[in-house]
Amino acid sequence: MVWERVLFTPRAMEHKWALFIHGGTLIRVRGWLRQVCCWTAARRRTCARPKAPRR
């Protein structure tokens, strides 16, 4: 399964990084300079939802 998605894009100078998922790789890009800083393998995992407290 190949998934591609924008996780975060900077909208202000204070936001330094953009995060992307591409083909199972998490990519971190320096926002305003548009330089790839690092990348790492990522995997999709489903997390169990916490149960609602009993009343």
N, C-alpha and C. Protein backbone atom coordinates (compact mmCIF):
# COMPACT_ATOMS: atom_id res chain seq x y z
N MET A 1 0.84 -1.17 0.00
CA MET A 1 0.00 0.00 0.00
C MET A 1 0.89 1.25 0.00
N VAL A 2 0.71 2.11 -0.95
CA VAL A 2 1.45 3.37 -1.03
C VAL A 2 0.52 4.48 -0.61
N TRP A 3 0.96 5.29 0.33
CA TRP A 3 0.15 6.41 0.76
C TRP A 3 0.97 7.68 0.71
N GLU A 4 0.33 8.72 0.28
CA GLU A 4 0.97 10.03 0.16
C GLU A 4 0.07 11.05 0.82
N ARG A 5 0.66 11.92 1.62
CA ARG A 5 -0.15 12.86 2.35
C ARG A 5 0.71 14.00 2.87
N VAL A 6 0.14 15.18 2.91
CA VAL A 6 0.77 16.32 3.57
C VAL A 6 0.31 16.30 5.01
N LEU A 7 1.22 16.22 5.96
CA LEU A 7 0.86 16.18 7.37
C LEU A 7 0.80 17.57 7.98
N PHE A 8 1.74 18.44 7.57
CA PHE A 8 1.77 19.80 8.10
C PHE A 8 2.51 20.69 7.13
N THR A 9 1.95 21.87 6.86
CA THR A 9 2.65 22.87 6.06
C THR A 9 2.71 24.16 6.87
N PRO A 10 3.86 24.82 6.88
CA PRO A 10 4.00 26.06 7.66
C PRO A 10 3.22 27.20 7.03
N ARG A 11 2.55 27.96 7.86
CA ARG A 11 1.79 29.11 7.38
C ARG A 11 2.34 30.43 7.91
N ALA A 12 3.33 30.34 8.79
CA ALA A 12 3.95 31.53 9.36
C ALA A 12 5.44 31.26 9.52
N MET A 13 6.22 32.31 9.65
CA MET A 13 7.67 32.16 9.79
C MET A 13 8.05 31.39 11.06
N GLU A 14 7.18 31.44 12.08
CA GLU A 14 7.47 30.73 13.32
C GLU A 14 7.40 29.22 13.15
N HIS A 15 6.67 28.77 12.14
CA HIS A 15 6.57 27.34 11.87
C HIS A 15 7.73 26.96 10.96
N LYS A 16 8.64 26.18 11.48
CA LYS A 16 9.90 25.92 10.78
C LYS A 16 9.87 24.74 9.82
N TRP A 17 8.97 23.76 10.03
CA TRP A 17 9.05 22.52 9.29
C TRP A 17 7.76 22.17 8.57
N ALA A 18 7.91 21.47 7.46
CA ALA A 18 6.78 20.86 6.76
C ALA A 18 6.99 19.35 6.85
N LEU A 19 5.90 18.61 7.04
CA LEU A 19 5.98 17.15 7.17
C LEU A 19 5.14 16.49 6.10
N PHE A 20 5.71 15.50 5.46
CA PHE A 20 5.04 14.77 4.39
C PHE A 20 5.23 13.28 4.57
N ILE A 21 4.26 12.50 4.08
CA ILE A 21 4.40 11.04 3.98
C ILE A 21 4.39 10.74 2.49
N HIS A 22 5.37 9.99 2.03
CA HIS A 22 5.42 9.62 0.61
C HIS A 22 5.95 8.20 0.50
N GLY A 23 5.12 7.30 0.03
CA GLY A 23 5.54 5.91 -0.19
C GLY A 23 6.11 5.23 1.03
N GLY A 24 5.55 5.50 2.21
CA GLY A 24 6.04 4.87 3.43
C GLY A 24 7.24 5.56 4.04
N THR A 25 7.56 6.76 3.58
CA THR A 25 8.68 7.51 4.12
C THR A 25 8.16 8.83 4.69
N LEU A 26 8.55 9.14 5.93
CA LEU A 26 8.23 10.41 6.55
C LEU A 26 9.34 11.38 6.16
N ILE A 27 8.97 12.52 5.56
CA ILE A 27 9.95 13.49 5.07
C ILE A 27 9.76 14.80 5.82
N ARG A 28 10.85 15.34 6.36
CA ARG A 28 10.82 16.62 7.06
C ARG A 28 11.56 17.65 6.21
N VAL A 29 10.87 18.74 5.89
CA VAL A 29 11.41 19.77 5.00
C VAL A 29 11.46 21.08 5.77
N ARG A 30 12.58 21.78 5.66
CA ARG A 30 12.70 23.10 6.26
C ARG A 30 11.73 24.01 5.51
N GLY A 31 10.72 24.52 6.20
CA GLY A 31 9.58 25.20 5.59
C GLY A 31 9.90 26.28 4.58
N TRP A 32 10.55 27.34 5.01
CA TRP A 32 10.73 28.49 4.12
C TRP A 32 11.92 28.31 3.19
N LEU A 33 12.87 27.47 3.55
CA LEU A 33 14.03 27.24 2.69
C LEU A 33 13.77 26.14 1.67
N ARG A 34 12.75 25.32 1.93
CA ARG A 34 12.37 24.19 1.07
C ARG A 34 13.53 23.22 0.85
N GLN A 35 14.24 22.93 1.93
CA GLN A 35 15.33 21.96 1.89
C GLN A 35 14.92 20.72 2.68
N VAL A 36 15.12 19.54 2.07
CA VAL A 36 14.84 18.30 2.79
C VAL A 36 15.89 18.14 3.87
N CYS A 37 15.44 18.01 5.08
CA CYS A 37 16.36 17.89 6.21
C CYS A 37 16.64 16.42 6.52
N CYS A 38 15.58 15.64 6.65
CA CYS A 38 15.77 14.22 6.94
C CYS A 38 14.54 13.43 6.54
N TRP A 39 14.71 12.14 6.46
CA TRP A 39 13.61 11.25 6.14
C TRP A 39 13.82 9.96 6.91
N THR A 40 12.73 9.27 7.15
CA THR A 40 12.79 8.01 7.88
C THR A 40 11.66 7.09 7.43
N ALA A 41 11.84 5.81 7.59
CA ALA A 41 10.79 4.86 7.23
C ALA A 41 9.62 5.03 8.20
N ALA A 42 8.43 4.95 7.67
CA ALA A 42 7.22 5.08 8.49
C ALA A 42 6.32 3.90 8.19
N ARG A 43 5.51 3.54 9.16
CA ARG A 43 4.55 2.48 8.93
C ARG A 43 3.21 2.90 9.52
N ARG A 44 2.17 2.44 8.91
CA ARG A 44 0.83 2.76 9.37
C ARG A 44 0.41 1.74 10.41
N ARG A 45 -0.11 2.23 11.51
CA ARG A 45 -0.54 1.36 12.59
C ARG A 45 -1.85 1.90 13.14
N THR A 46 -2.78 1.03 13.38
CA THR A 46 -4.04 1.47 13.98
C THR A 46 -3.90 1.37 15.49
N CYS A 47 -4.41 2.35 16.16
CA CYS A 47 -4.35 2.39 17.62
C CYS A 47 -5.74 2.12 18.18
N ALA A 48 -5.77 1.41 19.26
CA ALA A 48 -7.05 1.13 19.91
C ALA A 48 -7.56 2.41 20.56
N ARG A 49 -8.85 2.64 20.41
CA ARG A 49 -9.45 3.81 21.05
C ARG A 49 -9.64 3.54 22.53
N PRO A 50 -9.40 4.55 23.35
CA PRO A 50 -9.62 4.34 24.79
C PRO A 50 -11.11 4.15 25.08
N LYS A 51 -11.39 3.32 26.05
CA LYS A 51 -12.77 3.07 26.41
C LYS A 51 -13.31 4.25 27.20
N ALA A 52 -14.60 4.53 27.00
CA ALA A 52 -15.25 5.61 27.74
C ALA A 52 -15.39 5.20 29.21
N PRO A 53 -15.18 6.15 30.12
CA PRO A 53 -15.32 5.80 31.54
C PRO A 53 -16.76 5.42 31.88
N ARG A 54 -16.89 4.48 32.78
CA ARG A 54 -18.22 4.07 33.22
C ARG A 54 -18.78 5.07 34.20
N ARG A 55 -20.08 5.23 34.15
CA ARG A 55 -20.72 6.18 35.09
C ARG A 55 -21.45 5.45 36.16
